[in-house]
Each structure stands twice: as structure tokens, then as C-alpha cells.
């Protein structure tokens, strides 16, 4: 416990009384302002220049704090399960929506999957694609300009396309 919080409670006789005092002082108020700030952080969080793991971890920490700020009491266990599934799905789409455009193909594949994969599975799939992409963007040899090998020519008599070198124009 922080010294500034714990000092007034230093001489309380029993532990239960300490926890009750702390609860009354700090937990009875709604966490509306903090929850608002966290939701705003999630909304503004984009991958940008950071790698997928750092981006996911940043979002995940915010989501965990949001969960701590919300005290939900369910009359039935099914309500809690449904709420968890709803939150997981919202986080799934939020995570995918703010990824860099280079992940469009894998994002499309993931969104088409049924049933919807878990957040951890999605992060793992995106990380694998990022690793593959990074490996492919560092080629060992220089790529040749393949435009020089393009061939075509139109036959003037019957209008058919005949092979011809685009570079030297010879058939």
C-alpha cells in the first residue's frame, strides 16, 4: 500500500477494518472518469510503427485495467459468460481494425473464420504473418526488373497479338 494511503490507517486494530476503510475511501466511487480515459486510449491506439506484439500488449493492458474498473454483478452465471464473449468479440474486431494495412490479407482471412478465433489465436496468427513478411522483405539477391521481359506485338493482317520484346521491339 502506498505510504500516503496507508499512513492514516496505521493504527487501525484489525485487518478487516483497514480493508473496509480503504473500500469506503477509494472503491465506492464510480470509476467513470478512468473508464472513459481507458476507452479513449483504446480508441486512439493504432499499430503505427510498433510491432504486432507491442501493439497487442499495449491494448491488452488497457483492457485488463478496464475490466478492473467495472464491477459487474450477474444474477445468472450465463450473463457473465455472454458478457465475456461479447467483450472478446469487440476486442477481436478492435484489434484487427487498427492494424496496419499490410495485414489486410491475413485480416480478411481471420474475419472469415468460423467460429471466430480467440484474441490470443488472432494475435499469434498476425505475429506469424509479420515474421514471414519481415523475412521476405529482406531478400538476399536483388530482384530483376521483369518489365524488360514483357513481350507483345500485334499482327497487322489479322489483329492477333504476337510475341515481341518490349525492350528491343524485335519478334
Protein backbone atom coordinates (compact mmCIF):
# COMPACT_ATOMS: atom_id res chain seq x y z
CA UNK A 1 0.00 0.00 0.00
CA UNK A 2 1.25 3.46 -0.88
CA UNK A 3 2.53 5.38 2.21
CA UNK A 4 0.19 8.30 1.52
CA UNK A 5 -2.79 5.92 1.55
CA UNK A 6 -1.60 3.67 4.38
CA UNK A 7 -0.44 6.29 6.90
CA UNK A 8 -3.93 7.29 8.12
CA UNK A 9 -4.72 3.60 8.62
CA UNK A 10 -1.55 2.79 10.50
CA UNK A 11 -3.19 2.36 13.92
CA UNK A 12 -6.36 0.53 12.90
CA UNK A 13 -6.73 -2.53 15.14
CA UNK A 14 -7.65 -5.31 12.72
CA UNK A 15 -7.03 -6.00 9.05
CA UNK A 16 -10.72 -6.22 8.21
CA UNK A 17 -11.21 -2.65 9.42
CA UNK A 18 -8.31 -1.48 7.21
CA UNK A 19 -9.87 -3.09 4.13
CA UNK A 20 -13.31 -1.68 4.97
CA UNK A 21 -11.85 1.82 5.37
CA UNK A 22 -9.92 1.56 2.10
CA UNK A 23 -13.03 0.29 0.33
CA UNK A 24 -15.11 3.20 1.63
CA UNK A 25 -12.43 5.75 0.77
CA UNK A 26 -11.39 4.57 -2.68
CA UNK A 27 -13.75 1.96 -4.10
CA UNK A 28 -17.27 3.25 -3.57
CA UNK A 29 -16.98 5.91 -6.22
CA UNK A 30 -17.65 5.04 -9.81
CA UNK A 31 -14.57 4.77 -11.96
CA UNK A 32 -16.30 6.66 -14.76
CA UNK A 33 -13.52 9.12 -15.47
CA UNK A 34 -10.85 6.42 -15.51
CA UNK A 35 -13.00 4.13 -17.65
CA UNK A 36 -13.60 7.00 -20.07
CA UNK A 37 -9.86 7.69 -20.30
CA UNK A 38 -9.15 3.99 -20.92
CA UNK A 39 -11.80 3.71 -23.63
CA UNK A 40 -10.32 6.78 -25.26
CA UNK A 41 -6.85 5.17 -25.15
CA UNK A 42 -8.21 2.02 -26.80
CA UNK A 43 -9.95 4.09 -29.48
CA UNK A 44 -6.78 6.08 -30.24
CA UNK A 45 -4.42 3.08 -30.11
CA UNK A 46 -3.17 2.09 -33.55
CA UNK A 47 -0.29 -0.14 -34.55
CA UNK A 48 1.62 2.58 -36.37
CA UNK A 49 5.36 1.93 -36.27
CA UNK A 50 5.33 -0.62 -33.44
CA UNK A 51 5.41 -4.37 -33.97
CA UNK A 52 2.29 -6.51 -33.53
CA UNK A 53 3.35 -7.94 -30.15
CA UNK A 54 3.94 -4.49 -28.63
CA UNK A 55 0.66 -3.23 -30.09
CA UNK A 56 -1.30 -6.22 -28.72
CA UNK A 57 0.34 -5.99 -25.29
CA UNK A 58 -0.46 -2.28 -25.09
CA UNK A 59 -4.13 -2.94 -25.87
CA UNK A 60 -4.25 -5.96 -23.57
CA UNK A 61 -3.01 -3.94 -20.57
CA UNK A 62 -5.63 -1.28 -21.20
CA UNK A 63 -8.35 -3.94 -21.49
CA UNK A 64 -7.25 -5.52 -18.20
CA UNK A 65 -7.44 -2.18 -16.42
CA UNK A 66 -10.87 -1.57 -17.94
CA UNK A 67 -12.02 -4.92 -16.57
CA UNK A 68 -10.81 -3.91 -13.11
CA UNK A 69 -12.70 -0.62 -13.27
CA UNK A 70 -16.01 -2.33 -13.96
CA UNK A 71 -17.82 -4.12 -11.18
CA UNK A 72 -20.46 -6.28 -12.78
CA UNK A 73 -22.78 -8.47 -10.76
CA UNK A 74 -24.73 -11.11 -12.63
CA UNK A 75 -27.93 -12.70 -11.40
CA UNK A 76 -27.12 -15.74 -13.52
CA UNK A 77 -23.72 -17.20 -14.49
CA UNK A 78 -24.85 -17.22 -18.13
CA UNK A 79 -24.90 -13.41 -18.13
CA UNK A 80 -21.22 -13.28 -17.21
CA UNK A 81 -20.29 -15.80 -19.89
CA UNK A 82 -22.27 -13.91 -22.54
CA UNK A 83 -20.72 -10.61 -21.47
CA UNK A 84 -17.22 -12.12 -21.68
CA UNK A 85 -17.93 -13.44 -25.20
CA UNK A 86 -19.32 -10.05 -26.24
CA UNK A 87 -16.25 -8.22 -24.91
CA UNK A 88 -13.89 -10.74 -26.53
CA UNK A 89 -15.59 -10.24 -29.90
CA UNK A 90 -15.46 -6.43 -29.59
CA UNK A 91 -11.77 -6.60 -28.71
CA UNK A 92 -11.16 -9.00 -31.61
CA UNK A 93 -12.60 -6.52 -34.12
CA UNK A 94 -10.97 -3.52 -32.44
CA UNK A 95 -7.54 -5.16 -32.57
CA UNK A 96 -7.93 -6.07 -36.24
CA UNK A 97 -9.35 -2.66 -37.23
CA UNK A 98 -6.30 -0.77 -36.03
CA UNK A 99 -3.63 -2.98 -37.57
CA UNK A 100 -1.50 -1.59 -40.37
CA UNK A 101 -2.86 -2.03 -43.92
CA UNK A 102 -0.10 -4.51 -44.80
CA UNK A 103 -2.09 -7.08 -42.80
CA UNK A 104 -5.25 -6.72 -44.93
CA UNK A 105 -4.97 -10.20 -46.45
CA UNK A 106 -4.49 -12.02 -43.15
CA UNK A 107 -7.14 -9.80 -41.52
CA UNK A 108 -9.61 -10.81 -44.21
CA UNK A 109 -8.79 -14.50 -43.71
CA UNK A 110 -9.22 -14.23 -39.94
CA UNK A 111 -12.51 -12.37 -40.18
CA UNK A 112 -13.86 -15.08 -42.48
CA UNK A 113 -13.06 -17.85 -39.99
CA UNK A 114 -15.93 -19.57 -38.21
CA UNK A 115 -16.08 -19.82 -35.28
CA UNK A 116 -14.36 -16.53 -34.54
CA UNK A 117 -10.90 -17.33 -33.13
CA UNK A 118 -9.83 -16.12 -29.70
CA UNK A 119 -7.85 -12.92 -29.29
CA UNK A 120 -4.70 -14.88 -28.46
CA UNK A 121 -5.08 -17.01 -31.60
CA UNK A 122 -5.59 -13.87 -33.70
CA UNK A 123 -2.51 -12.20 -32.22
CA UNK A 124 -0.49 -15.34 -32.85
CA UNK A 125 -1.63 -15.52 -36.48
CA UNK A 126 -0.84 -11.87 -37.11
CA UNK A 127 2.59 -12.25 -35.46
CA UNK A 128 3.40 -15.21 -37.70
CA UNK A 129 2.42 -13.15 -40.75
CA UNK A 130 4.57 -10.25 -39.51
CA UNK A 131 7.55 -12.59 -39.07
CA UNK A 132 7.03 -14.07 -42.54
CA UNK A 133 6.67 -10.62 -44.07
CA UNK A 134 9.81 -9.33 -42.35
CA UNK A 135 11.75 -12.36 -43.58
CA UNK A 136 10.52 -11.88 -47.15
CA UNK A 137 11.28 -8.14 -47.23
CA UNK A 138 14.97 -8.79 -46.66
CA UNK A 139 15.91 -10.68 -49.83
CA UNK A 140 19.46 -11.89 -50.28
CA UNK A 141 19.59 -11.11 -54.01
CA UNK A 142 18.39 -8.07 -55.91
CA UNK A 143 15.16 -8.55 -57.82
CA UNK A 144 15.34 -8.12 -61.59
CA UNK A 145 13.07 -5.65 -63.32
CA UNK A 146 10.71 -8.08 -65.02
CA UNK A 147 9.18 -5.37 -67.23
CA UNK A 148 12.13 -5.78 -69.62
CA UNK A 149 10.98 -9.34 -70.36
CA UNK A 150 7.43 -8.40 -71.31
CA UNK A 151 6.66 -9.34 -74.92
CA UNK A 152 3.81 -8.44 -77.25
CA UNK A 153 3.15 -7.29 -80.81
CA UNK A 154 0.01 -7.03 -82.86
CA UNK A 155 -0.15 -8.74 -86.25
CA UNK A 156 -1.38 -6.09 -88.70
CA UNK A 157 -3.09 -8.61 -91.02
CA UNK A 158 -5.41 -10.39 -88.58
CA UNK A 159 -5.11 -8.33 -85.34
CA UNK A 160 -3.62 -11.13 -83.22
CA UNK A 161 -1.07 -10.41 -80.51
CA UNK A 162 2.30 -11.91 -81.41
CA UNK A 163 5.28 -12.15 -79.09
CA UNK A 164 7.79 -9.31 -79.36
CA UNK A 165 10.36 -7.94 -76.96
CA UNK A 166 9.17 -4.71 -75.34
CA UNK A 167 12.79 -3.63 -74.94
CA UNK A 168 14.14 -4.00 -78.45
CA UNK A 169 10.79 -4.41 -80.29
CA UNK A 170 12.06 -7.47 -82.20
CA UNK A 171 9.81 -10.54 -82.69
